[in-house]
């Protein structure tokens, strides 16, 4: 990232009539950097870098994540459909499954020695929490 002072100097040099090649050689920047700065100053009136686009917002906020983890800890055989209904979520069941697996690091375990209920699932906190199996 280029220093703000250098950005201002490049734009001022261009306004004072200095050529692009001369600016490139003086400030040791690429041609596209000069053109981008000139365009940025023309469009916004400033040479400050534009804010980073933050990406997609998470489906659940931190309070909902804590509540989801509490639900799983209290009732480990809760189904994804029951989670969706209890939390009144508008996201899909596969999305809930991914949140549980990748954000909370729980994994589905079959209950071998317990009586089977409808479509029961048991969740257990992963020991490796995202680490590959060959790392120790």
N, C-alpha and C. Protein backbone atom coordinates (compact mmCIF):
# COMPACT_ATOMS: atom_id res chain seq x y z
N UNK A 1 0.85 -1.17 0.00
CA UNK A 1 0.00 0.00 0.00
C UNK A 1 0.89 1.24 0.00
N UNK A 2 0.50 2.19 -0.76
CA UNK A 2 1.27 3.40 -0.93
C UNK A 2 0.94 4.43 0.16
N UNK A 3 1.96 5.12 0.61
CA UNK A 3 1.81 6.16 1.63
C UNK A 3 0.90 7.28 1.09
N UNK A 4 0.10 7.86 1.97
CA UNK A 4 -0.83 8.92 1.57
C UNK A 4 -0.08 10.13 1.02
N UNK A 5 1.06 10.47 1.64
CA UNK A 5 1.84 11.63 1.17
C UNK A 5 2.33 11.41 -0.26
N UNK A 6 2.78 10.21 -0.56
CA UNK A 6 3.25 9.91 -1.91
C UNK A 6 2.08 9.98 -2.90
N UNK A 7 0.93 9.49 -2.48
CA UNK A 7 -0.27 9.57 -3.33
C UNK A 7 -0.57 11.02 -3.68
N UNK A 8 -0.53 11.88 -2.65
CA UNK A 8 -0.82 13.30 -2.89
C UNK A 8 0.22 13.93 -3.81
N UNK A 9 1.50 13.58 -3.62
CA UNK A 9 2.56 14.13 -4.46
C UNK A 9 2.39 13.71 -5.92
N UNK A 10 1.99 12.46 -6.14
CA UNK A 10 1.80 11.97 -7.51
C UNK A 10 0.68 12.75 -8.21
N UNK A 11 -0.43 12.96 -7.51
CA UNK A 11 -1.55 13.69 -8.10
C UNK A 11 -1.17 15.14 -8.36
N UNK A 12 -0.47 15.77 -7.41
CA UNK A 12 -0.04 17.17 -7.59
C UNK A 12 0.94 17.28 -8.75
N UNK A 13 1.86 16.33 -8.86
CA UNK A 13 2.82 16.34 -9.96
C UNK A 13 2.10 16.23 -11.30
N UNK A 14 1.08 15.39 -11.38
CA UNK A 14 0.33 15.26 -12.63
C UNK A 14 -0.44 16.54 -12.95
N UNK A 15 -1.02 17.18 -11.92
CA UNK A 15 -1.74 18.43 -12.14
C UNK A 15 -0.81 19.55 -12.59
N UNK A 16 0.45 19.49 -12.14
CA UNK A 16 1.43 20.51 -12.51
C UNK A 16 2.05 20.25 -13.88
N UNK A 17 1.59 19.20 -14.56
CA UNK A 17 2.04 18.98 -15.93
C UNK A 17 3.14 17.94 -16.09
N UNK A 18 3.53 17.27 -15.05
CA UNK A 18 4.55 16.25 -15.18
C UNK A 18 3.97 15.06 -15.94
N UNK A 19 4.73 14.48 -16.84
CA UNK A 19 4.27 13.35 -17.65
C UNK A 19 4.20 12.06 -16.84
N UNK A 20 3.44 11.11 -17.34
CA UNK A 20 3.24 9.84 -16.66
C UNK A 20 4.57 9.10 -16.52
N UNK A 21 5.35 9.05 -17.59
CA UNK A 21 6.64 8.33 -17.53
C UNK A 21 7.58 8.97 -16.52
N UNK A 22 7.56 10.27 -16.46
CA UNK A 22 8.42 10.98 -15.50
C UNK A 22 7.96 10.71 -14.06
N UNK A 23 6.64 10.68 -13.84
CA UNK A 23 6.10 10.36 -12.52
C UNK A 23 6.49 8.94 -12.13
N UNK A 24 6.39 8.01 -13.10
CA UNK A 24 6.74 6.62 -12.82
C UNK A 24 8.20 6.50 -12.40
N UNK A 25 9.07 7.22 -13.10
CA UNK A 25 10.50 7.15 -12.81
C UNK A 25 10.82 7.85 -11.48
N UNK A 26 10.22 9.01 -11.22
CA UNK A 26 10.50 9.78 -10.01
C UNK A 26 10.03 9.05 -8.75
N UNK A 27 8.81 8.54 -8.78
CA UNK A 27 8.24 7.93 -7.57
C UNK A 27 8.36 6.40 -7.56
N UNK A 28 8.92 5.83 -8.62
CA UNK A 28 9.12 4.39 -8.75
C UNK A 28 7.82 3.62 -8.51
N UNK A 29 6.81 3.99 -9.30
CA UNK A 29 5.52 3.31 -9.25
C UNK A 29 5.16 2.85 -10.65
N UNK A 30 4.21 1.94 -10.74
CA UNK A 30 3.77 1.44 -12.04
C UNK A 30 2.79 2.41 -12.69
N UNK A 31 2.67 2.25 -13.99
CA UNK A 31 1.80 3.11 -14.79
C UNK A 31 0.35 3.01 -14.29
N UNK A 32 -0.12 1.80 -14.01
CA UNK A 32 -1.51 1.62 -13.56
C UNK A 32 -1.75 2.31 -12.22
N UNK A 33 -0.73 2.34 -11.36
CA UNK A 33 -0.89 3.00 -10.07
C UNK A 33 -1.12 4.50 -10.27
N UNK A 34 -0.40 5.09 -11.21
CA UNK A 34 -0.55 6.52 -11.48
C UNK A 34 -1.95 6.79 -12.03
N UNK A 35 -2.36 6.01 -13.03
CA UNK A 35 -3.68 6.21 -13.62
C UNK A 35 -4.79 5.97 -12.59
N UNK A 36 -4.63 4.95 -11.77
CA UNK A 36 -5.64 4.67 -10.75
C UNK A 36 -5.76 5.81 -9.74
N UNK A 37 -4.63 6.38 -9.33
CA UNK A 37 -4.67 7.50 -8.39
C UNK A 37 -5.32 8.73 -9.00
N UNK A 38 -5.01 9.00 -10.25
CA UNK A 38 -5.60 10.16 -10.93
C UNK A 38 -7.12 9.97 -11.04
N UNK A 39 -7.55 8.76 -11.41
CA UNK A 39 -8.99 8.48 -11.51
C UNK A 39 -9.66 8.55 -10.14
N UNK A 40 -9.01 8.01 -9.11
CA UNK A 40 -9.57 8.04 -7.75
C UNK A 40 -9.75 9.48 -7.29
N UNK A 41 -8.76 10.33 -7.55
CA UNK A 41 -8.84 11.74 -7.14
C UNK A 41 -9.94 12.47 -7.92
N UNK A 42 -10.10 12.12 -9.19
CA UNK A 42 -11.13 12.76 -10.01
C UNK A 42 -12.53 12.33 -9.54
N UNK A 43 -12.70 11.05 -9.19
CA UNK A 43 -14.02 10.54 -8.81
C UNK A 43 -14.43 10.93 -7.40
N UNK A 44 -13.49 10.84 -6.45
CA UNK A 44 -13.84 11.05 -5.04
C UNK A 44 -13.35 12.38 -4.48
N UNK A 45 -12.38 13.00 -5.15
CA UNK A 45 -11.82 14.24 -4.63
C UNK A 45 -10.77 14.01 -3.57
N UNK A 46 -10.39 12.76 -3.36
CA UNK A 46 -9.41 12.41 -2.35
C UNK A 46 -8.53 11.29 -2.88
N UNK A 47 -7.36 11.13 -2.30
CA UNK A 47 -6.48 10.03 -2.68
C UNK A 47 -6.44 8.96 -1.60
N UNK A 48 -7.33 9.08 -0.62
CA UNK A 48 -7.43 8.07 0.44
C UNK A 48 -7.87 6.75 -0.18
N UNK A 49 -7.31 5.62 0.29
CA UNK A 49 -7.75 4.33 -0.26
C UNK A 49 -9.22 4.08 0.06
N UNK A 50 -9.89 3.42 -0.85
CA UNK A 50 -11.30 3.10 -0.65
C UNK A 50 -11.43 2.04 0.43
N UNK A 51 -12.52 2.08 1.18
CA UNK A 51 -12.69 1.06 2.22
C UNK A 51 -12.86 -0.32 1.61
N UNK A 52 -12.37 -1.30 2.33
CA UNK A 52 -12.45 -2.68 1.87
C UNK A 52 -13.88 -3.17 1.94
N UNK A 53 -14.35 -3.84 0.88
CA UNK A 53 -15.67 -4.46 0.91
C UNK A 53 -15.61 -5.63 1.88
N UNK A 54 -16.41 -5.61 2.87
CA UNK A 54 -16.30 -6.57 3.97
C UNK A 54 -16.81 -7.96 3.67
N UNK A 55 -17.45 -8.17 2.56
CA UNK A 55 -17.94 -9.50 2.23
C UNK A 55 -19.31 -9.77 2.82
N UNK A 56 -19.68 -11.01 2.77
CA UNK A 56 -21.00 -11.42 3.20
C UNK A 56 -21.12 -11.41 4.72
N UNK A 57 -22.25 -10.97 5.20
CA UNK A 57 -22.51 -10.94 6.63
C UNK A 57 -22.77 -12.37 7.13
N UNK A 58 -22.36 -12.69 8.36
CA UNK A 58 -22.62 -14.04 8.87
C UNK A 58 -24.11 -14.28 9.07
N UNK A 59 -24.50 -15.54 8.93
CA UNK A 59 -25.91 -15.90 9.05
C UNK A 59 -26.41 -15.75 10.48
N UNK A 60 -25.54 -16.02 11.45
CA UNK A 60 -25.91 -15.92 12.86
C UNK A 60 -24.98 -14.95 13.56
N UNK A 61 -25.54 -14.09 14.40
CA UNK A 61 -24.70 -13.16 15.17
C UNK A 61 -24.13 -13.91 16.38
N UNK A 62 -23.20 -13.33 17.13
CA UNK A 62 -22.56 -14.03 18.25
C UNK A 62 -23.54 -14.53 19.32
N UNK A 63 -24.60 -13.76 19.59
CA UNK A 63 -25.58 -14.21 20.59
C UNK A 63 -26.29 -15.47 20.11
N UNK A 64 -26.66 -15.49 18.83
CA UNK A 64 -27.32 -16.67 18.28
C UNK A 64 -26.39 -17.88 18.26
N UNK A 65 -25.11 -17.63 17.99
CA UNK A 65 -24.13 -18.72 18.00
C UNK A 65 -24.03 -19.31 19.41
N UNK A 66 -23.99 -18.45 20.43
CA UNK A 66 -23.93 -18.93 21.82
C UNK A 66 -25.18 -19.72 22.17
N UNK A 67 -26.34 -19.23 21.74
CA UNK A 67 -27.59 -19.93 22.02
C UNK A 67 -27.62 -21.30 21.33
N UNK A 68 -27.11 -21.35 20.08
CA UNK A 68 -27.04 -22.61 19.35
C UNK A 68 -26.15 -23.61 20.07
N UNK A 69 -25.01 -23.14 20.55
CA UNK A 69 -24.10 -24.04 21.28
C UNK A 69 -24.74 -24.53 22.58
N UNK A 70 -25.47 -23.64 23.26
CA UNK A 70 -26.18 -24.06 24.47
C UNK A 70 -27.23 -25.12 24.16
N UNK A 71 -27.97 -24.94 23.06
CA UNK A 71 -28.97 -25.92 22.66
C UNK A 71 -28.33 -27.29 22.46
N UNK A 72 -27.20 -27.31 21.78
CA UNK A 72 -26.52 -28.57 21.51
C UNK A 72 -25.98 -29.19 22.79
N UNK A 73 -25.44 -28.36 23.69
CA UNK A 73 -24.89 -28.89 24.94
C UNK A 73 -25.99 -29.42 25.85
N UNK A 74 -27.14 -28.77 25.87
CA UNK A 74 -28.24 -29.20 26.73
C UNK A 74 -28.88 -30.48 26.18
N UNK A 75 -29.11 -30.51 24.88
CA UNK A 75 -29.76 -31.65 24.25
C UNK A 75 -28.90 -32.10 23.07
N UNK A 76 -27.99 -33.04 23.33
CA UNK A 76 -27.02 -33.41 22.31
C UNK A 76 -27.62 -34.18 21.13
N UNK A 77 -28.84 -34.72 21.28
CA UNK A 77 -29.45 -35.44 20.17
C UNK A 77 -30.51 -34.61 19.45
N UNK A 78 -30.42 -33.30 19.54
CA UNK A 78 -31.37 -32.41 18.89
C UNK A 78 -31.17 -32.48 17.38
N UNK A 79 -32.26 -32.45 16.64
CA UNK A 79 -32.17 -32.50 15.18
C UNK A 79 -31.99 -31.09 14.62
N UNK A 80 -31.54 -31.05 13.38
CA UNK A 80 -31.36 -29.75 12.72
C UNK A 80 -32.69 -29.03 12.54
N UNK A 81 -33.73 -29.79 12.27
CA UNK A 81 -35.06 -29.20 12.12
C UNK A 81 -35.53 -28.60 13.44
N UNK A 82 -35.27 -29.29 14.56
CA UNK A 82 -35.65 -28.76 15.87
C UNK A 82 -34.87 -27.49 16.19
N UNK A 83 -33.59 -27.46 15.81
CA UNK A 83 -32.78 -26.25 16.02
C UNK A 83 -33.39 -25.09 15.24
N UNK A 84 -33.74 -25.35 13.99
CA UNK A 84 -34.31 -24.30 13.14
C UNK A 84 -35.61 -23.77 13.73
N UNK A 85 -36.46 -24.67 14.26
CA UNK A 85 -37.73 -24.25 14.83
C UNK A 85 -37.56 -23.51 16.15
N UNK A 86 -36.68 -24.02 17.02
CA UNK A 86 -36.49 -23.38 18.33
C UNK A 86 -35.87 -22.00 18.22
N UNK A 87 -34.97 -21.83 17.27
CA UNK A 87 -34.29 -20.54 17.11
C UNK A 87 -35.00 -19.63 16.12
N UNK A 88 -36.05 -20.15 15.45
CA UNK A 88 -36.80 -19.39 14.46
C UNK A 88 -35.86 -18.83 13.38
N UNK A 89 -35.06 -19.73 12.80
CA UNK A 89 -34.07 -19.33 11.81
C UNK A 89 -34.67 -19.32 10.41
N UNK A 90 -34.19 -18.41 9.58
CA UNK A 90 -34.65 -18.31 8.19
C UNK A 90 -33.65 -18.93 7.22
N UNK A 91 -32.60 -19.58 7.75
CA UNK A 91 -31.59 -20.18 6.88
C UNK A 91 -31.91 -21.66 6.68
N UNK A 92 -31.27 -22.27 5.69
CA UNK A 92 -31.56 -23.66 5.34
C UNK A 92 -30.93 -24.62 6.35
N UNK A 93 -31.42 -25.85 6.34
CA UNK A 93 -30.90 -26.88 7.23
C UNK A 93 -29.44 -27.20 6.89
N UNK A 94 -29.04 -27.32 5.60
CA UNK A 94 -27.62 -27.54 5.32
C UNK A 94 -26.73 -26.39 5.83
N UNK A 95 -27.24 -25.17 5.81
CA UNK A 95 -26.47 -24.03 6.34
C UNK A 95 -26.28 -24.17 7.84
N UNK A 96 -27.31 -24.62 8.54
CA UNK A 96 -27.20 -24.84 9.99
C UNK A 96 -26.17 -25.93 10.26
N UNK A 97 -26.21 -26.98 9.46
CA UNK A 97 -25.25 -28.08 9.61
C UNK A 97 -23.82 -27.59 9.43
N UNK A 98 -23.58 -26.74 8.44
CA UNK A 98 -22.24 -26.21 8.20
C UNK A 98 -21.78 -25.31 9.34
N UNK A 99 -22.68 -24.52 9.88
CA UNK A 99 -22.33 -23.66 11.02
C UNK A 99 -21.92 -24.51 12.20
N UNK A 100 -22.68 -25.56 12.47
CA UNK A 100 -22.36 -26.44 13.59
C UNK A 100 -21.01 -27.11 13.37
N UNK A 101 -20.76 -27.56 12.17
CA UNK A 101 -19.54 -28.30 11.89
C UNK A 101 -18.31 -27.40 11.81
N UNK A 102 -18.39 -26.29 11.08
CA UNK A 102 -17.21 -25.49 10.80
C UNK A 102 -17.00 -24.30 11.74
N UNK A 103 -18.06 -23.77 12.31
CA UNK A 103 -17.91 -22.63 13.21
C UNK A 103 -17.83 -23.08 14.67
N UNK A 104 -18.69 -24.02 15.05
CA UNK A 104 -18.70 -24.48 16.44
C UNK A 104 -17.83 -25.72 16.64
N UNK A 105 -17.37 -26.32 15.55
CA UNK A 105 -16.49 -27.50 15.59
C UNK A 105 -17.13 -28.69 16.28
N UNK A 106 -18.41 -28.90 16.03
CA UNK A 106 -19.09 -30.10 16.49
C UNK A 106 -19.22 -31.04 15.31
N UNK A 107 -19.26 -32.33 15.61
CA UNK A 107 -19.47 -33.29 14.55
C UNK A 107 -20.57 -34.27 14.94
N UNK A 108 -21.24 -34.80 13.94
CA UNK A 108 -22.33 -35.74 14.16
C UNK A 108 -21.74 -37.10 14.53
N UNK A 109 -22.25 -37.71 15.57
CA UNK A 109 -21.82 -39.04 15.98
C UNK A 109 -23.04 -39.94 16.07
N UNK A 110 -22.90 -41.14 15.57
CA UNK A 110 -23.98 -42.11 15.71
C UNK A 110 -24.01 -42.60 17.16
N UNK A 111 -25.20 -42.82 17.66
CA UNK A 111 -25.34 -43.31 19.03
C UNK A 111 -25.45 -44.82 18.97
N UNK A 112 -24.39 -45.51 19.29
CA UNK A 112 -24.36 -46.95 19.12
C UNK A 112 -25.14 -47.71 20.19
N UNK A 113 -25.00 -47.33 21.42
CA UNK A 113 -25.57 -48.13 22.51
C UNK A 113 -26.74 -47.45 23.19
N UNK A 114 -27.47 -46.64 22.46
CA UNK A 114 -28.63 -45.96 23.01
C UNK A 114 -29.84 -46.28 22.15
N UNK A 115 -31.03 -46.27 22.75
CA UNK A 115 -32.22 -46.52 21.93
C UNK A 115 -32.38 -45.42 20.89
N UNK A 116 -32.82 -45.81 19.72
CA UNK A 116 -32.96 -44.87 18.61
C UNK A 116 -34.28 -44.14 18.75
N UNK A 117 -34.24 -42.81 18.61
CA UNK A 117 -35.47 -42.04 18.54
C UNK A 117 -35.65 -41.60 17.09
N UNK A 118 -36.69 -40.94 16.74
CA UNK A 118 -37.06 -40.60 15.37
C UNK A 118 -35.86 -40.42 14.43
N UNK A 119 -35.36 -39.23 14.37
CA UNK A 119 -34.22 -38.95 13.50
C UNK A 119 -33.19 -38.25 14.38
N UNK A 120 -32.73 -38.95 15.40
CA UNK A 120 -31.87 -38.33 16.39
C UNK A 120 -30.46 -38.12 15.90
N UNK A 121 -29.87 -37.03 16.33
CA UNK A 121 -28.47 -36.74 16.03
C UNK A 121 -27.80 -36.41 17.35
N UNK A 122 -26.59 -36.82 17.47
CA UNK A 122 -25.81 -36.50 18.64
C UNK A 122 -24.59 -35.71 18.18
N UNK A 123 -24.34 -34.62 18.83
CA UNK A 123 -23.21 -33.79 18.45
C UNK A 123 -22.14 -33.87 19.52
N UNK A 124 -20.90 -33.90 19.08
CA UNK A 124 -19.78 -33.97 20.00
C UNK A 124 -18.73 -32.97 19.52
N UNK A 125 -18.15 -32.24 20.44
CA UNK A 125 -17.13 -31.26 20.09
C UNK A 125 -15.92 -31.98 19.50
N UNK A 126 -15.45 -31.53 18.34
CA UNK A 126 -14.29 -32.15 17.70
C UNK A 126 -13.04 -31.90 18.53
N UNK A 127 -12.19 -32.92 18.59
CA UNK A 127 -10.94 -32.74 19.33
C UNK A 127 -9.93 -31.94 18.55
N UNK A 128 -9.88 -32.13 17.22
CA UNK A 128 -8.85 -31.45 16.45
C UNK A 128 -9.27 -30.05 16.02
N UNK A 129 -10.53 -29.69 16.09
CA UNK A 129 -11.05 -28.34 15.79
C UNK A 129 -10.46 -27.76 14.52
N UNK A 130 -10.58 -28.48 13.42
CA UNK A 130 -10.16 -27.94 12.13
C UNK A 130 -8.76 -28.32 11.71
N UNK A 131 -7.97 -28.95 12.58
CA UNK A 131 -6.62 -29.37 12.20
C UNK A 131 -6.71 -30.65 11.40
N UNK A 132 -5.82 -30.81 10.45
CA UNK A 132 -5.84 -32.04 9.65
C UNK A 132 -5.36 -33.21 10.51
N UNK A 133 -5.73 -34.41 10.11
CA UNK A 133 -5.45 -35.58 10.92
C UNK A 133 -3.97 -35.93 10.98
N UNK A 134 -3.16 -35.45 10.00
CA UNK A 134 -1.75 -35.79 10.02
C UNK A 134 -0.92 -34.82 10.87
N UNK A 135 -1.50 -33.72 11.36
CA UNK A 135 -0.78 -32.80 12.23
C UNK A 135 -0.89 -33.26 13.67
N UNK A 136 0.17 -33.11 14.42
CA UNK A 136 0.14 -33.50 15.83
C UNK A 136 0.81 -32.47 16.69
